[in-house]
Amino acid sequence: EDSAEEQELAVIQFGKRYYTSNGI
């Protein structure tokens, strides 16, 4: 439910993949 800007800060790029963050 977060804004697109906040969600962008909650995505981690590792190698060629992207992962959603489950911490801060």
PDB file of all heavy atoms in Angstrom:
ATOM      1  N   GLU A   1       0.806  -1.219   0.000  1.00  0.00           N
ATOM      2  CA  GLU A   1       0.000   0.000   0.000  1.00  0.00           C
ATOM      3  C   GLU A   1       0.843   1.275   0.000  1.00  0.00           C
ATOM      4  O   GLU A   1       0.298   2.383  -0.036  1.00  0.00           O
ATOM      5  CB  GLU A   1      -0.967   0.017   1.193  1.00  0.00           C
ATOM      6  CG  GLU A   1      -0.301   0.051   2.554  1.00  0.00           C
ATOM      7  CD  GLU A   1      -0.012  -1.330   3.119  1.00  0.00           C
ATOM      8  OE1 GLU A   1      -0.007  -2.295   2.335  1.00  0.00           O
ATOM      9  OE2 GLU A   1       0.207  -1.419   4.334  1.00  0.00           O
ATOM     10  N   ASP A   2       2.164   1.154   0.041  1.00  0.00           N
ATOM     11  CA  ASP A   2       3.032   2.331   0.039  1.00  0.00           C
ATOM     12  C   ASP A   2       3.044   3.013  -1.320  1.00  0.00           C
ATOM     13  O   ASP A   2       2.674   2.427  -2.352  1.00  0.00           O
ATOM     14  CB  ASP A   2       4.461   1.946   0.437  1.00  0.00           C
ATOM     15  CG  ASP A   2       4.615   1.757   1.936  1.00  0.00           C
ATOM     16  OD1 ASP A   2       3.686   2.132   2.683  1.00  0.00           O
ATOM     17  OD2 ASP A   2       5.646   1.206   2.369  1.00  0.00           O
ATOM     18  N   SER A   3       3.543   4.231  -1.316  1.00  0.00           N
ATOM     19  CA  SER A   3       3.663   4.974  -2.570  1.00  0.00           C
ATOM     20  C   SER A   3       4.750   4.347  -3.438  1.00  0.00           C
ATOM     21  O   SER A   3       5.594   3.579  -2.949  1.00  0.00           O
ATOM     22  CB  SER A   3       4.015   6.430  -2.277  1.00  0.00           C
ATOM     23  OG  SER A   3       5.309   6.511  -1.699  1.00  0.00           O
ATOM     24  N   ALA A   4       4.751   4.682  -4.710  1.00  0.00           N
ATOM     25  CA  ALA A   4       5.754   4.157  -5.638  1.00  0.00           C
ATOM     26  C   ALA A   4       7.159   4.565  -5.203  1.00  0.00           C
ATOM     27  O   ALA A   4       8.114   3.790  -5.326  1.00  0.00           O
ATOM     28  CB  ALA A   4       5.468   4.659  -7.052  1.00  0.00           C
ATOM     29  N   GLU A   5       7.282   5.757  -4.663  1.00  0.00           N
ATOM     30  CA  GLU A   5       8.596   6.243  -4.203  1.00  0.00           C
ATOM     31  C   GLU A   5       9.097   5.411  -3.030  1.00  0.00           C
ATOM     32  O   GLU A   5      10.278   5.038  -2.976  1.00  0.00           O
ATOM     33  CB  GLU A   5       8.481   7.714  -3.804  1.00  0.00           C
ATOM     34  CG  GLU A   5       9.807   8.347  -3.397  1.00  0.00           C
ATOM     35  CD  GLU A   5       9.663   9.798  -2.997  1.00  0.00           C
ATOM     36  OE1 GLU A   5       8.559  10.372  -3.136  1.00  0.00           O
ATOM     37  OE2 GLU A   5      10.670  10.371  -2.533  1.00  0.00           O
ATOM     38  N   GLU A   6       8.207   5.122  -2.072  1.00  0.00           N
ATOM     39  CA  GLU A   6       8.591   4.316  -0.911  1.00  0.00           C
ATOM     40  C   GLU A   6       8.892   2.880  -1.331  1.00  0.00           C
ATOM     41  O   GLU A   6       9.832   2.257  -0.819  1.00  0.00           O
ATOM     42  CB  GLU A   6       7.484   4.340   0.144  1.00  0.00           C
ATOM     43  CG  GLU A   6       7.356   5.672   0.860  1.00  0.00           C
ATOM     44  CD  GLU A   6       6.201   5.697   1.843  1.00  0.00           C
ATOM     45  OE1 GLU A   6       5.102   5.220   1.471  1.00  0.00           O
ATOM     46  OE2 GLU A   6       6.387   6.191   2.972  1.00  0.00           O
ATOM     47  N   GLN A   7       8.120   2.361  -2.247  1.00  0.00           N
ATOM     48  CA  GLN A   7       8.356   1.001  -2.720  1.00  0.00           C
ATOM     49  C   GLN A   7       9.699   0.887  -3.433  1.00  0.00           C
ATOM     50  O   GLN A   7      10.377  -0.136  -3.336  1.00  0.00           O
ATOM     51  CB  GLN A   7       7.220   0.558  -3.643  1.00  0.00           C
ATOM     52  CG  GLN A   7       5.931   0.274  -2.908  1.00  0.00           C
ATOM     53  CD  GLN A   7       4.819  -0.169  -3.828  1.00  0.00           C
ATOM     54  OE1 GLN A   7       4.902  -0.012  -5.046  1.00  0.00           O
ATOM     55  NE2 GLN A   7       3.756  -0.732  -3.262  1.00  0.00           N
ATOM     56  N   GLU A   8      10.077   1.936  -4.125  1.00  0.00           N
ATOM     57  CA  GLU A   8      11.378   1.933  -4.810  1.00  0.00           C
ATOM     58  C   GLU A   8      12.522   1.802  -3.801  1.00  0.00           C
ATOM     59  O   GLU A   8      13.528   1.139  -4.076  1.00  0.00           O
ATOM     60  CB  GLU A   8      11.536   3.213  -5.630  1.00  0.00           C
ATOM     61  CG  GLU A   8      12.782   3.237  -6.496  1.00  0.00           C
ATOM     62  CD  GLU A   8      12.891   4.488  -7.341  1.00  0.00           C
ATOM     63  OE1 GLU A   8      11.906   5.241  -7.437  1.00  0.00           O
ATOM     64  OE2 GLU A   8      13.974   4.711  -7.913  1.00  0.00           O
ATOM     65  N   LEU A   9      12.337   2.415  -2.626  1.00  0.00           N
ATOM     66  CA  LEU A   9      13.347   2.330  -1.566  1.00  0.00           C
ATOM     67  C   LEU A   9      13.300   0.975  -0.849  1.00  0.00           C
ATOM     68  O   LEU A   9      14.151   0.692  -0.014  1.00  0.00           O
ATOM     69  CB  LEU A   9      13.140   3.442  -0.536  1.00  0.00           C
ATOM     70  CG  LEU A   9      13.574   4.849  -0.949  1.00  0.00           C
ATOM     71  CD1 LEU A   9      13.176   5.858   0.116  1.00  0.00           C
ATOM     72  CD2 LEU A   9      15.089   4.901  -1.177  1.00  0.00           C
ATOM     73  N   ALA A  10      12.298   0.152  -1.172  1.00  0.00           N
ATOM     74  CA  ALA A  10      12.142  -1.144  -0.522  1.00  0.00           C
ATOM     75  C   ALA A  10      12.458  -2.292  -1.477  1.00  0.00           C
ATOM     76  O   ALA A  10      12.093  -3.433  -1.209  1.00  0.00           O
ATOM     77  CB  ALA A  10      10.729  -1.282   0.018  1.00  0.00           C
ATOM     78  N   VAL A  11      13.140  -1.985  -2.582  1.00  0.00           N
ATOM     79  CA  VAL A  11      13.537  -3.006  -3.549  1.00  0.00           C
ATOM     80  C   VAL A  11      15.061  -3.057  -3.616  1.00  0.00           C
ATOM     81  O   VAL A  11      15.723  -2.023  -3.747  1.00  0.00           O
ATOM     82  CB  VAL A  11      12.947  -2.727  -4.947  1.00  0.00           C
ATOM     83  CG1 VAL A  11      13.497  -3.724  -5.963  1.00  0.00           C
ATOM     84  CG2 VAL A  11      11.431  -2.788  -4.901  1.00  0.00           C
ATOM     85  N   ILE A  12      15.602  -4.271  -3.501  1.00  0.00           N
ATOM     86  CA  ILE A  12      17.058  -4.470  -3.497  1.00  0.00           C
ATOM     87  C   ILE A  12      17.462  -5.189  -4.779  1.00  0.00           C
ATOM     88  O   ILE A  12      16.885  -6.219  -5.133  1.00  0.00           O
ATOM     89  CB  ILE A  12      17.483  -5.313  -2.270  1.00  0.00           C
ATOM     90  CG1 ILE A  12      17.068  -4.612  -0.977  1.00  0.00           C
ATOM     91  CG2 ILE A  12      18.994  -5.577  -2.293  1.00  0.00           C
ATOM     92  CD1 ILE A  12      17.187  -5.491   0.257  1.00  0.00           C
ATOM     93  N   GLN A  13      18.464  -4.620  -5.455  1.00  0.00           N
ATOM     94  CA  GLN A  13      19.005  -5.296  -6.631  1.00  0.00           C
ATOM     95  C   GLN A  13      20.248  -6.072  -6.218  1.00  0.00           C
ATOM     96  O   GLN A  13      21.197  -5.513  -5.687  1.00  0.00           O
ATOM     97  CB  GLN A  13      19.366  -4.293  -7.732  1.00  0.00           C
ATOM     98  CG  GLN A  13      19.904  -4.973  -8.986  1.00  0.00           C
ATOM     99  CD  GLN A  13      20.274  -3.995 -10.080  1.00  0.00           C
ATOM    100  OE1 GLN A  13      20.144  -2.778  -9.913  1.00  0.00           O
ATOM    101  NE2 GLN A  13      20.753  -4.509 -11.208  1.00  0.00           N
ATOM    102  N   PHE A  14      20.196  -7.381  -6.486  1.00  0.00           N
ATOM    103  CA  PHE A  14      21.342  -8.235  -6.195  1.00  0.00           C
ATOM    104  C   PHE A  14      21.644  -9.019  -7.465  1.00  0.00           C
ATOM    105  O   PHE A  14      20.873  -9.887  -7.867  1.00  0.00           O
ATOM    106  CB  PHE A  14      21.053  -9.182  -5.036  1.00  0.00           C
ATOM    107  CG  PHE A  14      22.183 -10.100  -4.697  1.00  0.00           C
ATOM    108  CD1 PHE A  14      23.435  -9.605  -4.353  1.00  0.00           C
ATOM    109  CD2 PHE A  14      22.010 -11.481  -4.745  1.00  0.00           C
ATOM    110  CE1 PHE A  14      24.482 -10.463  -4.047  1.00  0.00           C
ATOM    111  CE2 PHE A  14      23.049 -12.339  -4.442  1.00  0.00           C
ATOM    112  CZ  PHE A  14      24.298 -11.828  -4.099  1.00  0.00           C
ATOM    113  N   GLY A  15      22.760  -8.681  -8.076  1.00  0.00           N
ATOM    114  CA  GLY A  15      23.067  -9.262  -9.388  1.00  0.00           C
ATOM    115  C   GLY A  15      22.072  -8.740 -10.398  1.00  0.00           C
ATOM    116  O   GLY A  15      21.837  -7.534 -10.508  1.00  0.00           O
ATOM    117  N   LYS A  16      21.435  -9.631 -11.139  1.00  0.00           N
ATOM    118  CA  LYS A  16      20.446  -9.236 -12.137  1.00  0.00           C
ATOM    119  C   LYS A  16      19.018  -9.384 -11.637  1.00  0.00           C
ATOM    120  O   LYS A  16      18.068  -9.219 -12.403  1.00  0.00           O
ATOM    121  CB  LYS A  16      20.642 -10.079 -13.397  1.00  0.00           C
ATOM    122  CG  LYS A  16      21.983  -9.837 -14.096  1.00  0.00           C
ATOM    123  CD  LYS A  16      22.098 -10.681 -15.364  1.00  0.00           C
ATOM    124  CE  LYS A  16      23.422 -10.415 -16.060  1.00  0.00           C
ATOM    125  NZ  LYS A  16      23.550 -11.209 -17.320  1.00  0.00           N
ATOM    126  N   ARG A  17      18.877  -9.657 -10.343  1.00  0.00           N
ATOM    127  CA  ARG A  17      17.541  -9.858  -9.789  1.00  0.00           C
ATOM    128  C   ARG A  17      17.182  -8.753  -8.800  1.00  0.00           C
ATOM    129  O   ARG A  17      18.053  -8.108  -8.217  1.00  0.00           O
ATOM    130  CB  ARG A  17      17.440 -11.220  -9.101  1.00  0.00           C
ATOM    131  CG  ARG A  17      17.560 -12.400 -10.064  1.00  0.00           C
ATOM    132  CD  ARG A  17      17.286 -13.692  -9.342  1.00  0.00           C
ATOM    133  NE  ARG A  17      17.320 -14.832 -10.248  1.00  0.00           N
ATOM    134  CZ  ARG A  17      17.036 -16.067  -9.906  1.00  0.00           C
ATOM    135  NH1 ARG A  17      16.698 -16.340  -8.640  1.00  0.00           N
ATOM    136  NH2 ARG A  17      17.092 -17.057 -10.776  1.00  0.00           N
ATOM    137  N   TYR A  18      15.871  -8.608  -8.605  1.00  0.00           N
ATOM    138  CA  TYR A  18      15.358  -7.614  -7.668  1.00  0.00           C
ATOM    139  C   TYR A  18      14.556  -8.332  -6.584  1.00  0.00           C
ATOM    140  O   TYR A  18      13.772  -9.240  -6.881  1.00  0.00           O
ATOM    141  CB  TYR A  18      14.479  -6.592  -8.390  1.00  0.00           C
ATOM    142  CG  TYR A  18      15.244  -5.711  -9.352  1.00  0.00           C
ATOM    143  CD1 TYR A  18      15.461  -6.129 -10.668  1.00  0.00           C
ATOM    144  CD2 TYR A  18      15.748  -4.479  -8.945  1.00  0.00           C
ATOM    145  CE1 TYR A  18      16.170  -5.333 -11.552  1.00  0.00           C
ATOM    146  CE2 TYR A  18      16.459  -3.675  -9.820  1.00  0.00           C
ATOM    147  CZ  TYR A  18      16.667  -4.107 -11.135  1.00  0.00           C
ATOM    148  OH  TYR A  18      17.375  -3.321 -11.993  1.00  0.00           O
ATOM    149  N   TYR A  19      14.754  -7.889  -5.340  1.00  0.00           N
ATOM    150  CA  TYR A  19      14.092  -8.513  -4.196  1.00  0.00           C
ATOM    151  C   TYR A  19      13.409  -7.438  -3.352  1.00  0.00           C
ATOM    152  O   TYR A  19      13.942  -6.341  -3.173  1.00  0.00           O
ATOM    153  CB  TYR A  19      15.101  -9.269  -3.324  1.00  0.00           C
ATOM    154  CG  TYR A  19      15.851 -10.356  -4.056  1.00  0.00           C
ATOM    155  CD1 TYR A  19      17.035 -10.075  -4.743  1.00  0.00           C
ATOM    156  CD2 TYR A  19      15.379 -11.667  -4.062  1.00  0.00           C
ATOM    157  CE1 TYR A  19      17.726 -11.085  -5.414  1.00  0.00           C
ATOM    158  CE2 TYR A  19      16.059 -12.677  -4.726  1.00  0.00           C
ATOM    159  CZ  TYR A  19      17.227 -12.373  -5.399  1.00  0.00           C
ATOM    160  OH  TYR A  19      17.909 -13.370  -6.067  1.00  0.00           O
ATOM    161  N   THR A  20      12.218  -7.788  -2.833  1.00  0.00           N
ATOM    162  CA  THR A  20      11.549  -6.850  -1.925  1.00  0.00           C
ATOM    163  C   THR A  20      12.171  -6.977  -0.532  1.00  0.00           C
ATOM    164  O   THR A  20      12.508  -8.068  -0.086  1.00  0.00           O
ATOM    165  CB  THR A  20      10.037  -7.128  -1.852  1.00  0.00           C
ATOM    166  OG1 THR A  20       9.834  -8.493  -1.491  1.00  0.00           O
ATOM    167  CG2 THR A  20       9.381  -6.833  -3.186  1.00  0.00           C
ATOM    168  N   SER A  21      12.282  -5.859   0.126  1.00  0.00           N
ATOM    169  CA  SER A  21      12.926  -5.815   1.440  1.00  0.00           C
ATOM    170  C   SER A  21      11.949  -6.211   2.545  1.00  0.00           C
ATOM    171  O   SER A  21      10.826  -5.706   2.599  1.00  0.00           O
ATOM    172  CB  SER A  21      13.452  -4.402   1.707  1.00  0.00           C
ATOM    173  OG  SER A  21      13.908  -4.267   3.028  1.00  0.00           O
ATOM    174  N   ASN A  22      12.376  -7.110   3.438  1.00  0.00           N
ATOM    175  CA  ASN A  22      11.553  -7.489   4.598  1.00  0.00           C
ATOM    176  C   ASN A  22      12.185  -7.021   5.910  1.00  0.00           C
ATOM    177  O   ASN A  22      12.004  -7.609   6.966  1.00  0.00           O
ATOM    178  CB  ASN A  22      11.302  -8.997   4.633  1.00  0.00           C
ATOM    179  CG  ASN A  22      12.594  -9.797   4.626  1.00  0.00           C
ATOM    180  OD1 ASN A  22      13.686  -9.227   4.673  1.00  0.00           O
ATOM    181  ND2 ASN A  22      12.470 -11.105   4.561  1.00  0.00           N
ATOM    182  N   GLY A  23      12.943  -5.929   5.801  1.00  0.00           N
ATOM    183  CA  GLY A  23      13.539  -5.268   6.955  1.00  0.00           C
ATOM    184  C   GLY A  23      13.826  -3.826   6.571  1.00  0.00           C
ATOM    185  O   GLY A  23      13.376  -3.347   5.532  1.00  0.00           O
ATOM    186  N   ILE A  24      14.589  -3.128   7.405  1.00  0.00           N
ATOM    187  CA  ILE A  24      14.998  -1.762   7.070  1.00  0.00           C
ATOM    188  C   ILE A  24      16.510  -1.633   7.277  1.00  0.00           C
ATOM    189  O   ILE A  24      17.089  -2.320   8.126  1.00  0.00           O
ATOM    190  CB  ILE A  24      14.263  -0.704   7.910  1.00  0.00           C
ATOM    191  CG1 ILE A  24      14.540  -0.894   9.412  1.00  0.00           C
ATOM    192  CG2 ILE A  24      12.774  -0.723   7.619  1.00  0.00           C
ATOM    193  CD1 ILE A  24      13.958   0.222  10.284  1.00  0.00           C
TER     194      ILE A  24
END
